[in-house]
Amino acid sequence: MRFIYAEYNMYHNSVDVTTFDGYILRIDCNVAEDRLRTTPRSQCALDALAIDEPLEYARLTLDGNLQIWVDAEDDLEIW
């Protein structure tokens, strides 16, 4: 079984994904979010996702679903 660990790197504004095989993947958040259409609300949620759930952020980025997540975040209504 291969384990994966991810953390937000505030010095590089990146998500660093590390496998216990010794491989490191650095996802630059500026590059990943460069062409996203966001609102202030969804940008705040996106920042929180990278910091609080970096592995989920990496999964969405690598799957190409980050814009879909942002759009869903913007469509939520306050009840």
N, C-alpha and C. Protein backbone atom coordinates (compact mmCIF):
# COMPACT_ATOMS: atom_id res chain seq x y z
N MET A 1 0.84 -1.17 0.00
CA MET A 1 0.00 0.00 0.00
C MET A 1 0.89 1.24 0.00
N ARG A 2 0.55 2.19 -0.85
CA ARG A 2 1.34 3.42 -0.95
C ARG A 2 0.56 4.55 -0.29
N PHE A 3 1.22 5.26 0.59
CA PHE A 3 0.60 6.35 1.31
C PHE A 3 0.95 7.67 0.66
N ILE A 4 0.04 8.61 0.76
CA ILE A 4 0.25 9.94 0.22
C ILE A 4 -0.05 10.95 1.32
N TYR A 5 0.78 11.98 1.38
CA TYR A 5 0.62 13.04 2.37
C TYR A 5 0.69 14.38 1.63
N ALA A 6 -0.16 15.31 2.00
CA ALA A 6 -0.14 16.62 1.35
C ALA A 6 -0.21 17.71 2.41
N GLU A 7 0.45 18.82 2.12
CA GLU A 7 0.38 19.98 3.01
C GLU A 7 0.53 21.25 2.20
N TYR A 8 -0.05 22.32 2.74
CA TYR A 8 0.06 23.63 2.10
C TYR A 8 1.39 24.24 2.50
N ASN A 9 2.12 24.76 1.53
CA ASN A 9 3.41 25.40 1.77
C ASN A 9 3.23 26.90 1.59
N MET A 10 3.14 27.64 2.70
CA MET A 10 2.86 29.07 2.62
C MET A 10 4.03 29.87 2.06
N TYR A 11 5.23 29.33 2.09
CA TYR A 11 6.39 30.04 1.58
C TYR A 11 6.43 30.05 0.05
N HIS A 12 5.84 29.04 -0.57
CA HIS A 12 5.81 28.96 -2.02
C HIS A 12 4.39 29.10 -2.58
N ASN A 13 3.39 29.26 -1.72
CA ASN A 13 1.98 29.27 -2.11
C ASN A 13 1.70 28.06 -3.00
N SER A 14 1.99 26.90 -2.42
CA SER A 14 1.84 25.66 -3.17
C SER A 14 1.29 24.57 -2.27
N VAL A 15 0.82 23.52 -2.90
CA VAL A 15 0.45 22.30 -2.19
C VAL A 15 1.51 21.26 -2.55
N ASP A 16 2.17 20.76 -1.55
CA ASP A 16 3.22 19.77 -1.74
C ASP A 16 2.66 18.39 -1.39
N VAL A 17 2.63 17.51 -2.38
CA VAL A 17 2.14 16.15 -2.20
C VAL A 17 3.35 15.24 -2.14
N THR A 18 3.46 14.47 -1.07
CA THR A 18 4.59 13.58 -0.87
C THR A 18 4.11 12.15 -0.77
N THR A 19 4.72 11.26 -1.53
CA THR A 19 4.46 9.83 -1.36
C THR A 19 5.56 9.28 -0.49
N PHE A 20 5.27 8.20 0.16
CA PHE A 20 6.27 7.61 1.03
C PHE A 20 7.26 6.75 0.27
N ASP A 21 7.19 6.83 -1.07
CA ASP A 21 8.23 6.25 -1.91
C ASP A 21 9.34 7.27 -2.15
N GLY A 22 9.11 8.50 -1.67
CA GLY A 22 10.13 9.53 -1.81
C GLY A 22 9.87 10.54 -2.91
N TYR A 23 8.75 10.47 -3.58
CA TYR A 23 8.43 11.41 -4.64
C TYR A 23 7.68 12.60 -4.08
N ILE A 24 7.97 13.79 -4.61
CA ILE A 24 7.29 15.01 -4.19
C ILE A 24 6.75 15.71 -5.43
N LEU A 25 5.48 16.09 -5.34
CA LEU A 25 4.83 16.85 -6.40
C LEU A 25 4.43 18.18 -5.80
N ARG A 26 4.89 19.26 -6.39
CA ARG A 26 4.54 20.60 -5.91
C ARG A 26 3.56 21.21 -6.90
N ILE A 27 2.39 21.57 -6.41
CA ILE A 27 1.37 22.22 -7.23
C ILE A 27 1.38 23.70 -6.86
N ASP A 28 1.79 24.54 -7.79
CA ASP A 28 1.82 25.98 -7.58
C ASP A 28 0.38 26.50 -7.65
N CYS A 29 -0.12 27.03 -6.56
CA CYS A 29 -1.52 27.49 -6.51
C CYS A 29 -1.77 28.65 -7.47
N ASN A 30 -0.78 29.51 -7.67
CA ASN A 30 -0.95 30.62 -8.61
C ASN A 30 -1.17 30.11 -10.03
N VAL A 31 -0.42 29.10 -10.42
CA VAL A 31 -0.55 28.53 -11.75
C VAL A 31 -1.87 27.75 -11.87
N ALA A 32 -2.19 26.97 -10.85
CA ALA A 32 -3.41 26.16 -10.88
C ALA A 32 -4.67 27.02 -10.96
N GLU A 33 -4.63 28.21 -10.34
CA GLU A 33 -5.80 29.08 -10.27
C GLU A 33 -5.76 30.21 -11.29
N ASP A 34 -4.77 30.20 -12.18
CA ASP A 34 -4.54 31.30 -13.11
C ASP A 34 -5.75 31.63 -13.98
N ARG A 35 -6.39 30.66 -14.55
CA ARG A 35 -7.49 30.91 -15.49
C ARG A 35 -8.87 30.59 -14.91
N LEU A 36 -8.94 30.41 -13.61
CA LEU A 36 -10.24 30.14 -12.98
C LEU A 36 -11.08 31.40 -12.90
N ARG A 37 -12.38 31.23 -13.06
CA ARG A 37 -13.32 32.33 -12.87
C ARG A 37 -13.85 32.21 -11.44
N THR A 38 -13.47 33.15 -10.60
CA THR A 38 -13.87 33.10 -9.20
C THR A 38 -14.53 34.40 -8.78
N THR A 39 -15.27 34.31 -7.70
CA THR A 39 -15.80 35.49 -7.01
C THR A 39 -15.00 35.62 -5.72
N PRO A 40 -15.12 36.72 -5.01
CA PRO A 40 -14.41 36.82 -3.72
C PRO A 40 -14.78 35.68 -2.76
N ARG A 41 -16.04 35.28 -2.79
CA ARG A 41 -16.48 34.19 -1.91
C ARG A 41 -15.83 32.87 -2.30
N SER A 42 -15.83 32.53 -3.58
CA SER A 42 -15.25 31.26 -4.00
C SER A 42 -13.73 31.28 -3.89
N GLN A 43 -13.11 32.44 -4.06
CA GLN A 43 -11.65 32.53 -3.89
C GLN A 43 -11.27 32.27 -2.44
N CYS A 44 -12.07 32.80 -1.51
CA CYS A 44 -11.83 32.55 -0.09
C CYS A 44 -11.99 31.07 0.22
N ALA A 45 -13.03 30.44 -0.33
CA ALA A 45 -13.25 29.00 -0.12
C ALA A 45 -12.12 28.18 -0.74
N LEU A 46 -11.63 28.61 -1.88
CA LEU A 46 -10.54 27.92 -2.56
C LEU A 46 -9.25 28.01 -1.74
N ASP A 47 -8.99 29.18 -1.18
CA ASP A 47 -7.82 29.34 -0.31
C ASP A 47 -7.93 28.44 0.92
N ALA A 48 -9.12 28.39 1.50
CA ALA A 48 -9.34 27.54 2.67
C ALA A 48 -9.17 26.06 2.31
N LEU A 49 -9.61 25.67 1.13
CA LEU A 49 -9.45 24.29 0.67
C LEU A 49 -7.98 23.91 0.58
N ALA A 50 -7.17 24.79 -0.01
CA ALA A 50 -5.74 24.51 -0.16
C ALA A 50 -5.05 24.38 1.20
N ILE A 51 -5.47 25.19 2.15
CA ILE A 51 -4.84 25.19 3.47
C ILE A 51 -5.35 24.04 4.34
N ASP A 52 -6.68 23.86 4.36
CA ASP A 52 -7.29 22.88 5.27
C ASP A 52 -7.38 21.47 4.70
N GLU A 53 -7.55 21.35 3.39
CA GLU A 53 -7.69 20.05 2.73
C GLU A 53 -6.77 19.98 1.50
N PRO A 54 -5.46 20.03 1.71
CA PRO A 54 -4.54 20.09 0.56
C PRO A 54 -4.60 18.88 -0.36
N LEU A 55 -4.89 17.71 0.18
CA LEU A 55 -4.97 16.53 -0.68
C LEU A 55 -6.18 16.61 -1.60
N GLU A 56 -7.30 17.13 -1.10
CA GLU A 56 -8.49 17.32 -1.93
C GLU A 56 -8.23 18.39 -2.99
N TYR A 57 -7.53 19.45 -2.62
CA TYR A 57 -7.15 20.50 -3.57
C TYR A 57 -6.29 19.90 -4.70
N ALA A 58 -5.33 19.08 -4.33
CA ALA A 58 -4.45 18.44 -5.32
C ALA A 58 -5.26 17.51 -6.23
N ARG A 59 -6.18 16.74 -5.66
CA ARG A 59 -6.99 15.83 -6.45
C ARG A 59 -7.84 16.59 -7.46
N LEU A 60 -8.49 17.67 -7.01
CA LEU A 60 -9.32 18.47 -7.92
C LEU A 60 -8.48 19.11 -9.02
N THR A 61 -7.30 19.58 -8.67
CA THR A 61 -6.42 20.22 -9.65
C THR A 61 -5.95 19.22 -10.70
N LEU A 62 -5.47 18.07 -10.25
CA LEU A 62 -4.94 17.07 -11.18
C LEU A 62 -6.02 16.43 -12.03
N ASP A 63 -7.24 16.34 -11.50
CA ASP A 63 -8.37 15.80 -12.27
C ASP A 63 -8.96 16.82 -13.23
N GLY A 64 -8.57 18.09 -13.08
CA GLY A 64 -9.11 19.14 -13.93
C GLY A 64 -10.50 19.60 -13.52
N ASN A 65 -10.87 19.36 -12.27
CA ASN A 65 -12.20 19.69 -11.78
C ASN A 65 -12.24 20.90 -10.84
N LEU A 66 -11.19 21.68 -10.81
CA LEU A 66 -11.15 22.81 -9.89
C LEU A 66 -12.21 23.86 -10.26
N GLN A 67 -12.41 24.13 -11.55
CA GLN A 67 -13.42 25.10 -11.96
C GLN A 67 -14.83 24.61 -11.62
N ILE A 68 -15.07 23.33 -11.76
CA ILE A 68 -16.37 22.76 -11.40
C ILE A 68 -16.63 22.95 -9.91
N TRP A 69 -15.62 22.72 -9.08
CA TRP A 69 -15.75 22.90 -7.64
C TRP A 69 -16.03 24.37 -7.31
N VAL A 70 -15.31 25.28 -7.97
CA VAL A 70 -15.52 26.71 -7.74
C VAL A 70 -16.93 27.12 -8.15
N ASP A 71 -17.39 26.64 -9.30
CA ASP A 71 -18.74 26.96 -9.76
C ASP A 71 -19.79 26.45 -8.78
N ALA A 72 -19.59 25.25 -8.25
CA ALA A 72 -20.53 24.70 -7.27
C ALA A 72 -20.50 25.51 -5.98
N GLU A 73 -19.34 25.98 -5.62
CA GLU A 73 -19.21 26.81 -4.41
C GLU A 73 -19.95 28.14 -4.58
N ASP A 74 -19.91 28.71 -5.76
CA ASP A 74 -20.60 29.96 -6.04
C ASP A 74 -22.12 29.78 -6.12
N ASP A 75 -22.58 28.59 -6.50
CA ASP A 75 -24.02 28.34 -6.67
C ASP A 75 -24.74 28.03 -5.38
N LEU A 76 -24.00 27.82 -4.29
CA LEU A 76 -24.66 27.51 -3.03
C LEU A 76 -25.42 28.73 -2.53
N GLU A 77 -26.65 28.51 -2.13
CA GLU A 77 -27.45 29.60 -1.59
C GLU A 77 -27.43 29.54 -0.08
N ILE A 78 -27.55 30.70 0.54
CA ILE A 78 -27.63 30.76 1.99
C ILE A 78 -29.08 30.49 2.39
N TRP A 79 -29.28 29.52 3.24
CA TRP A 79 -30.64 29.14 3.63
C TRP A 79 -31.13 30.00 4.74
